[in-house]
Amino acid sequence: MRRGNVYYKDVIAGQIIETSEGDYVFQYDENYIAVHPTQFITFSMPVQKAPYKDHRLFPFFEGLIPEGWLLAIATKNWKINANDRMGLLLACCQNCIGAVSVIPIIEEDEK
């Protein structure tokens, strides 16, 4: 299972998870919901307590992943398969243009 904290500006907005079955889950953070109930990260994912779940990476997060020549550089330098969308999201989207960034969560057994 791979996970990343999703930040809106400098505030943790939630967490994106790729499950061991290959599904994707995005869950808004409880504190974010309490303080920013109308400030969603994308129009397609309004703030809610229930997690968003899908068999594919959500289109908003797909849009954060580089394309073209920049994708080629990322896949070559980090040795990530271009089809590994979660791997690319976690490797490339820590310092995105715009308000949203994704910071990988390193599991204890990976350290």
N, C-alpha and C. Protein backbone atom coordinates (compact mmCIF):
# COMPACT_ATOMS: atom_id res chain seq x y z
N MET A 1 0.85 -1.17 0.00
CA MET A 1 0.00 0.00 0.00
C MET A 1 0.90 1.24 0.00
N ARG A 2 0.59 2.17 -0.91
CA ARG A 2 1.35 3.42 -0.98
C ARG A 2 0.40 4.56 -0.64
N ARG A 3 0.95 5.55 0.07
CA ARG A 3 0.12 6.66 0.53
C ARG A 3 0.87 7.98 0.41
N GLY A 4 0.09 9.05 0.29
CA GLY A 4 0.66 10.38 0.28
C GLY A 4 -0.28 11.36 0.95
N ASN A 5 0.30 12.31 1.67
CA ASN A 5 -0.49 13.40 2.23
C ASN A 5 -0.72 14.44 1.15
N VAL A 6 -1.96 14.88 1.02
CA VAL A 6 -2.33 15.88 0.03
C VAL A 6 -2.48 17.21 0.74
N TYR A 7 -1.71 18.19 0.27
CA TYR A 7 -1.74 19.53 0.86
C TYR A 7 -2.43 20.51 -0.08
N TYR A 8 -3.22 21.39 0.51
CA TYR A 8 -3.77 22.53 -0.22
C TYR A 8 -3.06 23.74 0.36
N LYS A 9 -2.24 24.36 -0.44
CA LYS A 9 -1.30 25.40 0.02
C LYS A 9 -0.42 24.74 1.07
N ASP A 10 -0.41 25.22 2.30
CA ASP A 10 0.44 24.63 3.33
C ASP A 10 -0.35 23.82 4.35
N VAL A 11 -1.60 23.50 4.04
CA VAL A 11 -2.49 22.82 4.98
C VAL A 11 -2.77 21.41 4.48
N ILE A 12 -2.65 20.42 5.36
CA ILE A 12 -2.97 19.06 4.94
C ILE A 12 -4.48 18.97 4.70
N ALA A 13 -4.82 18.59 3.47
CA ALA A 13 -6.23 18.49 3.08
C ALA A 13 -6.74 17.06 3.18
N GLY A 14 -5.86 16.09 3.03
CA GLY A 14 -6.30 14.70 3.07
C GLY A 14 -5.18 13.75 2.74
N GLN A 15 -5.58 12.54 2.37
CA GLN A 15 -4.62 11.50 2.06
C GLN A 15 -5.09 10.70 0.85
N ILE A 16 -4.14 10.43 -0.04
CA ILE A 16 -4.40 9.58 -1.21
C ILE A 16 -3.72 8.24 -0.95
N ILE A 17 -4.44 7.15 -1.21
CA ILE A 17 -3.94 5.81 -0.92
C ILE A 17 -4.15 4.91 -2.14
N GLU A 18 -3.13 4.12 -2.44
CA GLU A 18 -3.28 3.03 -3.40
C GLU A 18 -3.30 1.75 -2.56
N THR A 19 -4.42 1.04 -2.57
CA THR A 19 -4.56 -0.15 -1.74
C THR A 19 -3.76 -1.30 -2.33
N SER A 20 -3.61 -2.35 -1.56
CA SER A 20 -2.89 -3.53 -2.03
C SER A 20 -3.64 -4.23 -3.17
N GLU A 21 -4.94 -3.94 -3.32
CA GLU A 21 -5.73 -4.49 -4.43
C GLU A 21 -5.63 -3.63 -5.68
N GLY A 22 -4.95 -2.48 -5.58
CA GLY A 22 -4.78 -1.60 -6.74
C GLY A 22 -5.86 -0.55 -6.87
N ASP A 23 -6.73 -0.42 -5.87
CA ASP A 23 -7.76 0.63 -5.88
C ASP A 23 -7.17 1.92 -5.29
N TYR A 24 -7.89 3.01 -5.51
CA TYR A 24 -7.45 4.31 -5.02
C TYR A 24 -8.51 4.89 -4.10
N VAL A 25 -8.03 5.52 -3.03
CA VAL A 25 -8.91 6.13 -2.05
C VAL A 25 -8.37 7.53 -1.74
N PHE A 26 -9.26 8.52 -1.78
CA PHE A 26 -8.89 9.85 -1.28
C PHE A 26 -9.84 10.18 -0.15
N GLN A 27 -9.26 10.58 0.99
CA GLN A 27 -10.05 10.92 2.17
C GLN A 27 -9.62 12.29 2.66
N TYR A 28 -10.60 13.20 2.78
CA TYR A 28 -10.29 14.50 3.36
C TYR A 28 -9.96 14.33 4.83
N ASP A 29 -9.03 15.13 5.33
CA ASP A 29 -8.63 15.14 6.72
C ASP A 29 -9.75 15.74 7.58
N GLU A 30 -9.99 15.16 8.75
CA GLU A 30 -11.06 15.64 9.64
C GLU A 30 -10.88 17.10 10.03
N ASN A 31 -9.64 17.50 10.33
CA ASN A 31 -9.39 18.90 10.69
C ASN A 31 -9.65 19.83 9.51
N TYR A 32 -9.29 19.38 8.33
CA TYR A 32 -9.52 20.18 7.13
C TYR A 32 -11.02 20.36 6.90
N ILE A 33 -11.78 19.30 7.09
CA ILE A 33 -13.24 19.38 6.93
C ILE A 33 -13.83 20.38 7.91
N ALA A 34 -13.35 20.37 9.16
CA ALA A 34 -13.87 21.26 10.19
C ALA A 34 -13.54 22.72 9.91
N VAL A 35 -12.33 22.98 9.44
CA VAL A 35 -11.88 24.37 9.25
C VAL A 35 -12.20 24.91 7.86
N HIS A 36 -12.17 24.05 6.84
CA HIS A 36 -12.37 24.46 5.45
C HIS A 36 -13.48 23.65 4.76
N PRO A 37 -14.71 23.68 5.27
CA PRO A 37 -15.75 22.80 4.72
C PRO A 37 -16.15 23.09 3.28
N THR A 38 -15.81 24.25 2.76
CA THR A 38 -16.18 24.58 1.37
C THR A 38 -14.97 24.78 0.47
N GLN A 39 -13.77 24.53 0.97
CA GLN A 39 -12.55 24.75 0.19
C GLN A 39 -12.00 23.41 -0.30
N PHE A 40 -12.61 22.87 -1.38
CA PHE A 40 -12.20 21.56 -1.88
C PHE A 40 -11.01 21.70 -2.82
N ILE A 41 -10.28 20.59 -2.97
CA ILE A 41 -9.07 20.63 -3.80
C ILE A 41 -9.41 20.64 -5.28
N THR A 42 -10.59 20.14 -5.64
CA THR A 42 -11.06 20.14 -7.03
C THR A 42 -12.58 20.09 -7.03
N PHE A 43 -13.18 20.68 -8.04
CA PHE A 43 -14.64 20.71 -8.12
C PHE A 43 -15.24 19.31 -8.19
N SER A 44 -14.50 18.37 -8.73
CA SER A 44 -15.02 17.01 -8.86
C SER A 44 -14.96 16.22 -7.55
N MET A 45 -14.32 16.80 -6.52
CA MET A 45 -14.21 16.12 -5.23
C MET A 45 -14.52 17.11 -4.10
N PRO A 46 -15.79 17.49 -3.95
CA PRO A 46 -16.14 18.41 -2.86
C PRO A 46 -15.78 17.82 -1.49
N VAL A 47 -15.60 18.69 -0.52
CA VAL A 47 -15.27 18.26 0.83
C VAL A 47 -16.42 17.40 1.37
N GLN A 48 -16.05 16.22 1.86
CA GLN A 48 -17.03 15.33 2.49
C GLN A 48 -16.29 14.40 3.44
N LYS A 49 -17.04 13.84 4.39
CA LYS A 49 -16.43 12.91 5.35
C LYS A 49 -16.17 11.54 4.74
N ALA A 50 -17.03 11.10 3.84
CA ALA A 50 -16.88 9.78 3.23
C ALA A 50 -15.69 9.79 2.26
N PRO A 51 -14.94 8.71 2.20
CA PRO A 51 -13.81 8.65 1.27
C PRO A 51 -14.29 8.51 -0.17
N TYR A 52 -13.49 9.01 -1.08
CA TYR A 52 -13.69 8.78 -2.51
C TYR A 52 -12.93 7.51 -2.86
N LYS A 53 -13.55 6.62 -3.63
CA LYS A 53 -12.90 5.36 -4.01
C LYS A 53 -13.09 5.14 -5.50
N ASP A 54 -12.05 4.58 -6.14
CA ASP A 54 -12.14 4.26 -7.56
C ASP A 54 -11.09 3.19 -7.90
N HIS A 55 -11.29 2.53 -9.03
CA HIS A 55 -10.34 1.53 -9.51
C HIS A 55 -9.20 2.17 -10.29
N ARG A 56 -9.36 3.45 -10.63
CA ARG A 56 -8.33 4.19 -11.36
C ARG A 56 -7.95 5.42 -10.54
N LEU A 57 -6.75 5.92 -10.78
CA LEU A 57 -6.35 7.15 -10.11
C LEU A 57 -7.29 8.26 -10.54
N PHE A 58 -7.76 9.05 -9.60
CA PHE A 58 -8.73 10.10 -9.87
C PHE A 58 -8.18 11.09 -10.91
N PRO A 59 -9.02 11.55 -11.82
CA PRO A 59 -8.57 12.45 -12.89
C PRO A 59 -7.81 13.68 -12.38
N PHE A 60 -8.23 14.25 -11.27
CA PHE A 60 -7.53 15.42 -10.73
C PHE A 60 -6.06 15.09 -10.45
N PHE A 61 -5.82 13.96 -9.80
CA PHE A 61 -4.44 13.56 -9.48
C PHE A 61 -3.67 13.16 -10.73
N GLU A 62 -4.33 12.55 -11.68
CA GLU A 62 -3.70 12.25 -12.97
C GLU A 62 -3.18 13.53 -13.61
N GLY A 63 -3.96 14.60 -13.47
CA GLY A 63 -3.59 15.88 -14.07
C GLY A 63 -2.37 16.52 -13.44
N LEU A 64 -1.99 16.09 -12.25
CA LEU A 64 -0.80 16.63 -11.59
C LEU A 64 0.48 16.00 -12.12
N ILE A 65 0.36 14.80 -12.69
CA ILE A 65 1.53 14.05 -13.18
C ILE A 65 2.04 14.70 -14.47
N PRO A 66 3.36 14.87 -14.58
CA PRO A 66 3.90 15.48 -15.79
C PRO A 66 3.61 14.67 -17.05
N GLU A 67 3.70 15.35 -18.18
CA GLU A 67 3.46 14.71 -19.48
C GLU A 67 4.63 15.01 -20.41
N GLY A 68 4.64 14.33 -21.54
CA GLY A 68 5.60 14.62 -22.60
C GLY A 68 7.04 14.45 -22.17
N TRP A 69 7.88 15.41 -22.56
CA TRP A 69 9.31 15.33 -22.30
C TRP A 69 9.62 15.32 -20.81
N LEU A 70 8.81 16.02 -20.00
CA LEU A 70 9.05 16.04 -18.56
C LEU A 70 8.75 14.67 -17.94
N LEU A 71 7.72 14.00 -18.45
CA LEU A 71 7.42 12.63 -18.01
C LEU A 71 8.57 11.70 -18.38
N ALA A 72 9.12 11.86 -19.57
CA ALA A 72 10.24 11.02 -20.00
C ALA A 72 11.45 11.21 -19.08
N ILE A 73 11.71 12.44 -18.68
CA ILE A 73 12.82 12.71 -17.76
C ILE A 73 12.55 12.06 -16.41
N ALA A 74 11.32 12.21 -15.91
CA ALA A 74 10.95 11.66 -14.60
C ALA A 74 11.06 10.14 -14.59
N THR A 75 10.54 9.49 -15.62
CA THR A 75 10.58 8.03 -15.66
C THR A 75 12.02 7.51 -15.78
N LYS A 76 12.84 8.23 -16.51
CA LYS A 76 14.24 7.82 -16.68
C LYS A 76 15.03 8.04 -15.39
N ASN A 77 14.92 9.23 -14.80
CA ASN A 77 15.72 9.56 -13.62
C ASN A 77 15.32 8.79 -12.37
N TRP A 78 14.02 8.58 -12.19
CA TRP A 78 13.55 7.87 -10.99
C TRP A 78 13.30 6.39 -11.27
N LYS A 79 13.52 5.97 -12.52
CA LYS A 79 13.31 4.57 -12.91
C LYS A 79 11.91 4.08 -12.52
N ILE A 80 10.93 4.88 -12.91
CA ILE A 80 9.53 4.57 -12.65
C ILE A 80 8.85 4.29 -13.98
N ASN A 81 8.11 3.21 -14.06
CA ASN A 81 7.35 2.88 -15.25
C ASN A 81 6.31 3.98 -15.50
N ALA A 82 6.14 4.39 -16.73
CA ALA A 82 5.19 5.44 -17.08
C ALA A 82 3.75 5.05 -16.74
N ASN A 83 3.48 3.75 -16.61
CA ASN A 83 2.15 3.28 -16.24
C ASN A 83 1.92 3.23 -14.73
N ASP A 84 2.98 3.44 -13.95
CA ASP A 84 2.88 3.45 -12.49
C ASP A 84 2.44 4.84 -12.05
N ARG A 85 1.16 5.09 -12.15
CA ARG A 85 0.63 6.45 -11.92
C ARG A 85 0.82 6.90 -10.46
N MET A 86 0.61 6.00 -9.50
CA MET A 86 0.79 6.38 -8.10
C MET A 86 2.27 6.66 -7.82
N GLY A 87 3.15 5.83 -8.38
CA GLY A 87 4.58 6.07 -8.20
C GLY A 87 4.99 7.42 -8.75
N LEU A 88 4.48 7.77 -9.92
CA LEU A 88 4.78 9.08 -10.51
C LEU A 88 4.19 10.21 -9.69
N LEU A 89 2.96 10.03 -9.20
CA LEU A 89 2.33 11.05 -8.36
C LEU A 89 3.17 11.32 -7.12
N LEU A 90 3.60 10.27 -6.46
CA LEU A 90 4.39 10.43 -5.23
C LEU A 90 5.79 10.98 -5.51
N ALA A 91 6.37 10.64 -6.65
CA ALA A 91 7.73 11.10 -6.96
C ALA A 91 7.76 12.52 -7.52
N CYS A 92 6.76 12.89 -8.30
CA CYS A 92 6.83 14.14 -9.07
C CYS A 92 5.98 15.29 -8.54
N CYS A 93 5.10 15.03 -7.62
CA CYS A 93 4.09 16.04 -7.28
C CYS A 93 4.25 16.64 -5.90
N GLN A 94 5.49 16.65 -5.41
CA GLN A 94 5.74 17.25 -4.11
C GLN A 94 5.82 18.77 -4.18
N ASN A 95 6.10 19.28 -5.36
CA ASN A 95 6.27 20.72 -5.52
C ASN A 95 5.62 21.15 -6.83
N CYS A 96 4.32 20.92 -6.93
CA CYS A 96 3.58 21.20 -8.16
C CYS A 96 3.34 22.69 -8.36
N ILE A 97 3.08 23.06 -9.60
CA ILE A 97 2.59 24.39 -9.89
C ILE A 97 1.14 24.40 -9.44
N GLY A 98 0.76 25.40 -8.68
CA GLY A 98 -0.60 25.45 -8.17
C GLY A 98 -0.64 25.23 -6.68
N ALA A 99 -1.83 25.06 -6.15
CA ALA A 99 -2.02 25.03 -4.70
C ALA A 99 -1.91 23.64 -4.09
N VAL A 100 -1.96 22.58 -4.90
CA VAL A 100 -2.00 21.22 -4.36
C VAL A 100 -0.65 20.54 -4.55
N SER A 101 -0.22 19.84 -3.50
CA SER A 101 0.99 19.03 -3.59
C SER A 101 0.73 17.70 -2.88
N VAL A 102 1.51 16.69 -3.24
CA VAL A 102 1.37 15.36 -2.66
C VAL A 102 2.73 14.94 -2.11
N ILE A 103 2.77 14.67 -0.81
CA ILE A 103 4.00 14.29 -0.14
C ILE A 103 3.90 12.82 0.25
N PRO A 104 4.84 11.98 -0.21
CA PRO A 104 4.76 10.55 0.11
C PRO A 104 4.85 10.30 1.61
N ILE A 105 4.13 9.29 2.05
CA ILE A 105 4.23 8.82 3.43
C ILE A 105 5.08 7.56 3.40
N ILE A 106 6.19 7.60 4.10
CA ILE A 106 7.10 6.46 4.13
C ILE A 106 6.70 5.55 5.29
N GLU A 107 6.39 4.31 4.97
CA GLU A 107 6.00 3.34 5.97
C GLU A 107 7.23 2.93 6.78
N GLU A 108 7.02 2.55 8.02
CA GLU A 108 8.13 2.15 8.90
C GLU A 108 8.97 1.02 8.30
N ASP A 109 8.34 0.05 7.66
CA ASP A 109 9.08 -1.08 7.10
C ASP A 109 9.84 -0.73 5.82
N GLU A 110 9.62 0.49 5.29
CA GLU A 110 10.35 0.95 4.09
C GLU A 110 11.60 1.73 4.45
N LYS A 111 11.74 2.12 5.72
CA LYS A 111 12.88 2.96 6.14
C LYS A 111 14.14 2.14 6.25
